[in-house]
Amino acid sequence: MQGLFLFYKPSGPSSAQFLNHVKRALLIPRDIRVGHGGTLDPFASGLLVVGVSRAYTKLLSHQLLHTTKEYRVEIILGASSDTDDRTGIIQKIPNTHEDNGVGTIQRLTSIVEWKGKIASAIETLKNQETQTPPQYSAIKIQGKPAYTRKRAGESLSISAKKVSLLAYQIESIQEKNDLIYITMTLVVSSGFYIRSFARDLGVLLGTGGYVNALERAKIGFFSLKNALNLDDLDKDVELHFWASGAVQNVGFRAFAQDCAQTLNITGFSRNTDENRVEIIGQGKLPQLQEFLARISVGPVGSHIEFKEDWFGSVSEEYKDFSIK
């Protein structure tokens, strides 16, 4: 068993715990390396790209190290958390106009005023080039994760990192029980902490702020809509494959069709404008693994210089395997 897999990680397990679920579901031997491309906090859900085998775990760092990510987040203003998310110790900010040490708390008289203040504060954060990671994070300090030292009662000083908020869209701003709930989509650079963004937004507004819900929707060109649930592994799965090099005019598409028909796989093969061949295969995972092994070699006369492949959920069901 090997490959890149797009999975949906639910809220609850850590990324490492979810990998253990994946290993059991795929019956992966202990000597096979398994890794993921970007940690999700336990309370967060969404897309997790998983590499199975040494070759694919190495690809994770090359493909995903500097890719952008998209998140959907719910932020609460009017309270703070020591972990900058809902799992920490929540402290509601008093409804006063006194200075609380991080700015003057301003209880505005209408949601319209809040929207203007929030939009202005987000623009300020968008223009900043650095961000300080949360105290409870996996950032290493003298070889130990920051969260380990923080839980041991240590006082930490974490250096700011160069990151970017690339784009955002506010979906809703609502007031409930003297708190402000913001739902929004953020497109960010690698290394950007959504929890730090919520914290810093609360500091700018003088209200306190933390993440109440978080879902990762995209990592680079990988999307949550193509992600598998663990229960999907017993059903039909979809393989995406691209190869470049000497792959056109060598019978590659027909070769893929012959392999697919032998292995009871549906989908299609086609040449693309970028002088590549694209193949989509649908079927049971063991057969798709064999299919991938065959098309990764290609027909006689072909020469693959570069390839990309990954497994995900079935998007559009195909009845047979065709050449386009």
Protein backbone atom coordinates (compact mmCIF):
# COMPACT_ATOMS: atom_id res chain seq x y z
CA MET A 1 0.00 0.00 0.00
CA GLN A 2 1.33 3.43 -0.96
CA GLY A 3 0.18 6.79 -2.23
CA LEU A 4 -1.12 10.23 -1.27
CA PHE A 5 -4.58 10.15 0.29
CA LEU A 6 -6.94 13.06 0.93
CA PHE A 7 -8.80 12.49 4.20
CA TYR A 8 -11.36 14.37 6.24
CA LYS A 9 -10.19 14.58 9.85
CA PRO A 10 -13.11 15.09 12.22
CA SER A 11 -12.97 17.20 15.34
CA GLY A 12 -11.65 15.18 18.29
CA PRO A 13 -8.54 13.18 17.44
CA SER A 14 -5.16 14.79 17.01
CA SER A 15 -3.52 14.49 13.59
CA ALA A 16 -1.22 11.78 14.99
CA GLN A 17 -4.17 9.86 16.44
CA PHE A 18 -5.99 10.10 13.13
CA LEU A 19 -2.95 8.63 11.37
CA ASN A 20 -3.24 5.62 13.66
CA HIS A 21 -6.87 5.21 12.53
CA VAL A 22 -5.68 5.39 8.91
CA LYS A 23 -3.01 2.73 9.50
CA ARG A 24 -5.59 0.36 10.97
CA ALA A 25 -8.14 1.04 8.22
CA LEU A 26 -5.57 0.43 5.47
CA LEU A 27 -3.91 -2.50 7.29
CA ILE A 28 -0.53 -0.81 6.91
CA PRO A 29 2.42 -2.80 8.36
CA ARG A 30 4.53 -1.15 11.06
CA ASP A 31 7.57 -0.90 8.77
CA ILE A 32 5.69 1.31 6.27
CA ARG A 33 6.11 5.02 6.94
CA VAL A 34 2.96 7.15 7.20
CA GLY A 35 2.88 10.94 7.58
CA HIS A 36 0.65 13.96 7.02
CA GLY A 37 1.13 17.31 5.34
CA GLY A 38 0.14 19.88 7.94
CA THR A 39 -1.11 19.42 11.50
CA LEU A 40 -4.71 20.10 12.45
CA ASP A 41 -5.42 20.79 16.13
CA PRO A 42 -7.64 18.17 17.81
CA PHE A 43 -10.63 20.52 17.99
CA ALA A 44 -10.26 21.38 14.28
CA SER A 45 -11.61 19.41 11.34
CA GLY A 46 -11.02 19.33 7.62
CA LEU A 47 -8.54 18.28 4.98
CA LEU A 48 -5.53 16.19 5.96
CA VAL A 49 -3.19 14.98 3.21
CA VAL A 50 -1.67 11.63 4.20
CA GLY A 51 1.38 10.01 2.61
CA VAL A 52 1.80 6.23 2.79
CA SER A 53 5.35 4.84 2.16
CA ARG A 54 8.68 6.60 2.39
CA ALA A 55 8.45 7.88 -1.20
CA TYR A 56 5.12 9.61 -0.59
CA THR A 57 5.95 11.02 2.84
CA LYS A 58 8.98 12.67 1.23
CA LEU A 59 6.65 14.15 -1.38
CA LEU A 60 4.58 15.78 1.35
CA SER A 61 7.36 18.19 2.30
CA HIS A 62 8.21 18.98 -1.32
CA GLN A 63 4.63 19.54 -2.47
CA LEU A 64 3.05 21.13 0.59
CA LEU A 65 5.85 22.98 2.39
CA HIS A 66 5.15 26.39 0.85
CA THR A 67 1.57 25.95 -0.33
CA THR A 68 -1.32 28.21 0.60
CA LYS A 69 -4.16 26.96 2.80
CA GLU A 70 -7.81 27.91 3.07
CA TYR A 71 -9.79 27.73 6.31
CA ARG A 72 -13.35 28.40 7.42
CA VAL A 73 -13.32 29.71 10.96
CA GLU A 74 -15.70 30.93 13.64
CA ILE A 75 -14.12 33.50 15.96
CA ILE A 76 -15.61 34.74 19.21
CA LEU A 77 -14.90 38.29 20.38
CA GLY A 78 -15.60 39.40 23.93
CA ALA A 79 -13.60 36.68 25.65
CA SER A 80 -10.10 35.25 25.60
CA SER A 81 -8.59 31.77 25.92
CA ASP A 82 -5.15 30.77 27.17
CA THR A 83 -4.87 28.39 24.19
CA ASP A 84 -6.49 30.90 21.80
CA ASP A 85 -9.23 28.37 21.05
CA ARG A 86 -12.32 26.89 22.70
CA THR A 87 -10.35 24.12 24.46
CA GLY A 88 -8.56 26.50 26.82
CA ILE A 89 -9.55 28.43 29.91
CA ILE A 90 -12.11 30.97 28.70
CA GLN A 91 -12.20 34.37 30.38
CA LYS A 92 -14.99 36.74 29.43
CA ILE A 93 -13.89 40.36 29.07
CA PRO A 94 -15.90 42.66 31.36
CA ASN A 95 -18.38 44.99 29.69
CA THR A 96 -16.59 48.21 30.65
CA HIS A 97 -14.64 51.01 29.05
CA GLU A 98 -11.63 50.51 31.28
CA ASP A 99 -8.16 49.71 29.98
CA ASN A 100 -7.56 45.97 30.40
CA GLY A 101 -3.85 46.06 29.50
CA VAL A 102 -4.34 45.13 25.86
CA GLY A 103 -6.51 48.02 24.76
CA THR A 104 -9.68 49.82 25.68
CA ILE A 105 -12.76 47.62 25.59
CA GLN A 106 -15.34 49.27 23.39
CA ARG A 107 -18.88 47.97 23.52
CA LEU A 108 -20.27 49.55 20.36
CA THR A 109 -23.94 50.36 20.17
CA SER A 110 -24.81 48.48 16.97
CA ILE A 111 -23.72 45.51 14.89
CA VAL A 112 -23.09 47.94 12.01
CA GLU A 113 -20.42 49.69 14.08
CA TRP A 114 -18.90 46.31 14.94
CA LYS A 115 -18.69 45.32 11.30
CA GLY A 116 -16.77 48.48 10.44
CA LYS A 117 -14.35 48.08 13.33
CA ILE A 118 -13.78 44.38 12.59
CA ALA A 119 -13.16 44.97 8.87
CA SER A 120 -10.65 47.70 9.69
CA ALA A 121 -8.82 45.50 12.22
CA ILE A 122 -8.62 42.60 9.76
CA GLU A 123 -7.13 44.90 7.12
CA THR A 124 -4.51 45.93 9.68
CA LEU A 125 -3.62 42.29 10.30
CA LYS A 126 -3.58 41.58 6.56
CA ASN A 127 -0.93 44.23 6.10
CA GLN A 128 1.32 42.77 8.80
CA GLU A 129 4.22 40.60 7.63
CA THR A 130 4.80 38.62 10.84
CA GLN A 131 2.80 36.72 13.44
CA THR A 132 3.65 35.27 16.85
CA PRO A 133 2.59 31.61 17.20
CA PRO A 134 0.37 30.63 20.16
CA GLN A 135 1.96 29.71 23.48
CA TYR A 136 0.29 26.32 23.14
CA SER A 137 1.78 25.27 19.80
CA ALA A 138 4.19 22.71 18.38
CA ILE A 139 6.90 25.34 17.85
CA LYS A 140 10.14 23.88 19.22
CA ILE A 141 11.91 25.81 21.99
CA GLN A 142 15.29 24.27 22.82
CA GLY A 143 14.13 20.98 21.34
CA LYS A 144 10.77 20.77 23.14
CA PRO A 145 7.33 21.78 21.82
CA ALA A 146 6.09 25.06 23.26
CA TYR A 147 2.89 23.42 24.54
CA THR A 148 4.94 20.94 26.61
CA ARG A 149 6.89 23.74 28.29
CA LYS A 150 3.74 25.83 28.80
CA ARG A 151 1.90 22.96 30.46
CA ALA A 152 4.89 22.52 32.75
CA GLY A 153 4.36 26.10 33.92
CA GLU A 154 7.26 27.72 32.08
CA SER A 155 7.14 31.33 30.94
CA LEU A 156 7.74 31.39 27.19
CA SER A 157 9.04 33.92 24.69
CA ILE A 158 8.20 32.86 21.13
CA SER A 159 9.68 34.72 18.17
CA ALA A 160 7.43 36.14 15.48
CA LYS A 161 7.36 34.29 12.15
CA LYS A 162 7.03 35.71 8.66
CA VAL A 163 3.61 34.70 7.33
CA SER A 164 0.84 36.23 5.25
CA LEU A 165 -2.92 36.60 5.27
CA LEU A 166 -3.49 36.49 1.51
CA ALA A 167 -7.26 36.90 1.29
CA TYR A 168 -10.36 36.76 3.43
CA GLN A 169 -14.13 36.90 3.19
CA ILE A 170 -16.42 37.72 6.11
CA GLU A 171 -19.53 35.58 5.90
CA SER A 172 -21.42 36.73 8.97
CA ILE A 173 -21.09 38.84 12.12
CA GLN A 174 -23.64 38.23 14.86
CA GLU A 175 -24.08 39.26 18.48
CA LYS A 176 -25.15 36.61 21.01
CA ASN A 177 -25.14 36.87 24.79
CA ASP A 178 -22.85 39.91 24.81
CA LEU A 179 -20.35 38.17 22.52
CA ILE A 180 -19.59 38.73 18.84
CA TYR A 181 -19.46 35.67 16.53
CA ILE A 182 -17.58 36.06 13.24
CA THR A 183 -17.71 33.42 10.53
CA MET A 184 -15.17 33.90 7.76
CA THR A 185 -12.92 32.25 5.19
CA LEU A 186 -9.16 32.88 5.30
CA VAL A 187 -6.56 32.10 2.64
CA VAL A 188 -3.13 32.08 4.27
CA SER A 189 0.50 31.20 3.71
CA SER A 190 2.15 28.13 5.13
CA GLY A 191 2.92 28.55 8.84
CA PHE A 192 0.02 30.94 9.50
CA TYR A 193 -1.81 30.28 12.79
CA ILE A 194 -5.56 30.93 12.71
CA ARG A 195 -5.55 30.91 16.53
CA SER A 196 -2.97 33.72 16.54
CA PHE A 197 -5.11 35.65 14.06
CA ALA A 198 -8.14 35.40 16.37
CA ARG A 199 -6.03 36.42 19.37
CA ASP A 200 -4.50 39.39 17.55
CA LEU A 201 -7.89 40.50 16.23
CA GLY A 202 -9.19 40.54 19.80
CA VAL A 203 -6.16 42.55 20.93
CA LEU A 204 -6.66 45.16 18.22
CA LEU A 205 -10.33 45.51 19.08
CA GLY A 206 -9.71 45.43 22.83
CA THR A 207 -12.27 42.65 23.24
CA GLY A 208 -10.25 39.48 23.47
CA GLY A 209 -10.77 36.81 20.84
CA TYR A 210 -10.39 33.08 20.24
CA VAL A 211 -11.24 30.37 17.70
CA ASN A 212 -14.49 28.55 18.40
CA ALA A 213 -14.57 26.32 15.29
CA LEU A 214 -12.08 25.66 12.51
CA GLU A 215 -12.21 23.66 9.29
CA ARG A 216 -9.44 23.39 6.68
CA ALA A 217 -10.93 23.50 3.19
CA LYS A 218 -7.86 23.51 0.91
CA ILE A 219 -4.12 22.81 0.86
CA GLY A 220 -2.67 24.05 -2.40
CA PHE A 221 -4.80 22.51 -5.17
CA PHE A 222 -6.09 19.74 -2.85
CA SER A 223 -9.66 20.34 -1.74
CA LEU A 224 -11.84 19.05 1.09
CA LYS A 225 -14.57 18.21 -1.42
CA ASN A 226 -12.33 15.37 -2.67
CA ALA A 227 -11.50 14.03 0.81
CA LEU A 228 -12.25 10.51 2.01
CA ASN A 229 -13.86 9.50 5.25
CA LEU A 230 -12.37 6.40 6.81
CA ASP A 231 -15.65 4.57 6.10
CA ASP A 232 -15.19 5.28 2.38
CA LEU A 233 -12.19 2.97 2.06
CA ASP A 234 -14.43 -0.09 1.64
CA LYS A 235 -16.29 1.66 -1.20
CA ASP A 236 -15.09 2.85 -4.60
CA VAL A 237 -12.21 5.31 -4.42
CA GLU A 238 -10.91 7.72 -7.07
CA LEU A 239 -7.32 7.87 -8.36
CA HIS A 240 -5.98 11.04 -10.02
CA PHE A 241 -2.84 10.57 -12.11
CA TRP A 242 -0.82 12.94 -14.31
CA ALA A 243 2.43 12.19 -16.13
CA SER A 244 4.70 14.24 -18.36
CA GLY A 245 7.64 13.34 -20.61
CA ALA A 246 7.37 11.00 -23.58
CA VAL A 247 3.75 10.12 -22.81
CA GLN A 248 1.84 11.31 -25.88
CA ASN A 249 1.75 9.47 -29.22
CA VAL A 250 3.04 6.27 -27.58
CA GLY A 251 -0.28 4.55 -26.90
CA PHE A 252 -0.43 5.63 -23.25
CA ARG A 253 -4.19 6.22 -23.23
CA ALA A 254 -4.97 2.86 -24.80
CA PHE A 255 -2.54 1.15 -22.44
CA ALA A 256 -4.36 2.71 -19.47
CA GLN A 257 -7.70 1.59 -20.89
CA ASP A 258 -6.50 -2.01 -21.29
CA CYS A 259 -5.18 -2.04 -17.71
CA ALA A 260 -8.43 -0.54 -16.40
CA GLN A 261 -10.62 -3.07 -18.17
CA THR A 262 -8.49 -5.93 -16.84
CA LEU A 263 -8.79 -4.62 -13.28
CA ASN A 264 -12.50 -3.65 -13.46
CA ILE A 265 -11.75 0.07 -13.15
CA THR A 266 -13.86 2.88 -14.64
CA GLY A 267 -12.82 6.42 -15.57
CA PHE A 268 -10.92 7.89 -18.50
CA SER A 269 -7.54 8.78 -19.96
CA ARG A 270 -6.76 11.82 -22.05
CA ASN A 271 -3.94 14.00 -23.34
CA THR A 272 -3.81 17.55 -22.01
CA ASP A 273 -2.62 20.83 -23.50
CA GLU A 274 0.47 20.74 -21.28
CA ASN A 275 1.84 17.68 -23.13
CA ARG A 276 0.78 15.50 -20.26
CA VAL A 277 -1.48 12.50 -19.92
CA GLU A 278 -4.25 12.62 -17.33
CA ILE A 279 -5.93 9.50 -15.98
CA ILE A 280 -8.88 9.19 -13.61
CA GLY A 281 -9.59 5.73 -12.24
CA GLN A 282 -12.44 4.59 -10.00
CA GLY A 283 -12.74 1.27 -8.23
CA LYS A 284 -11.77 -0.66 -5.13
CA LEU A 285 -8.51 0.42 -3.54
CA PRO A 286 -6.53 -2.85 -4.06
CA GLN A 287 -7.29 -2.78 -7.80
CA LEU A 288 -6.45 0.93 -8.01
CA GLN A 289 -3.11 0.24 -6.32
CA GLU A 290 -2.27 -2.30 -9.04
CA PHE A 291 -3.55 0.11 -11.71
CA LEU A 292 -1.29 2.86 -10.36
CA ALA A 293 1.72 0.54 -10.37
CA ARG A 294 1.14 -0.29 -14.05
CA ILE A 295 0.49 3.20 -15.40
CA SER A 296 3.43 4.56 -13.37
CA VAL A 297 5.62 2.46 -15.69
CA GLY A 298 3.58 3.08 -18.84
CA PRO A 299 3.58 1.29 -22.19
CA VAL A 300 6.64 0.32 -24.20
CA GLY A 301 8.08 3.45 -25.82
CA SER A 302 6.93 5.85 -23.11
CA HIS A 303 9.20 7.63 -20.67
CA ILE A 304 7.74 9.35 -17.60
CA GLU A 305 9.87 12.27 -16.44
CA PHE A 306 7.47 13.53 -13.79
CA LYS A 307 4.22 12.23 -12.31
CA GLU A 308 1.65 13.22 -9.72
CA ASP A 309 -1.00 10.99 -8.21
CA TRP A 310 -3.39 10.93 -5.28
CA PHE A 311 -6.44 9.08 -3.97
CA GLY A 312 -9.69 10.75 -2.95
CA SER A 313 -13.46 10.37 -2.95
CA VAL A 314 -15.46 9.69 -6.10
CA SER A 315 -16.55 13.00 -7.61
CA GLU A 316 -18.44 12.00 -10.77
CA GLU A 317 -19.27 8.34 -11.25
CA TYR A 318 -18.16 6.73 -14.53
CA LYS A 319 -19.81 3.60 -16.00
CA ASP A 320 -16.81 2.44 -18.06
CA PHE A 321 -13.25 3.48 -18.95
CA SER A 322 -12.98 5.70 -22.01
CA ILE A 323 -10.32 7.47 -24.03
CA LYS A 324 -10.93 11.19 -24.42
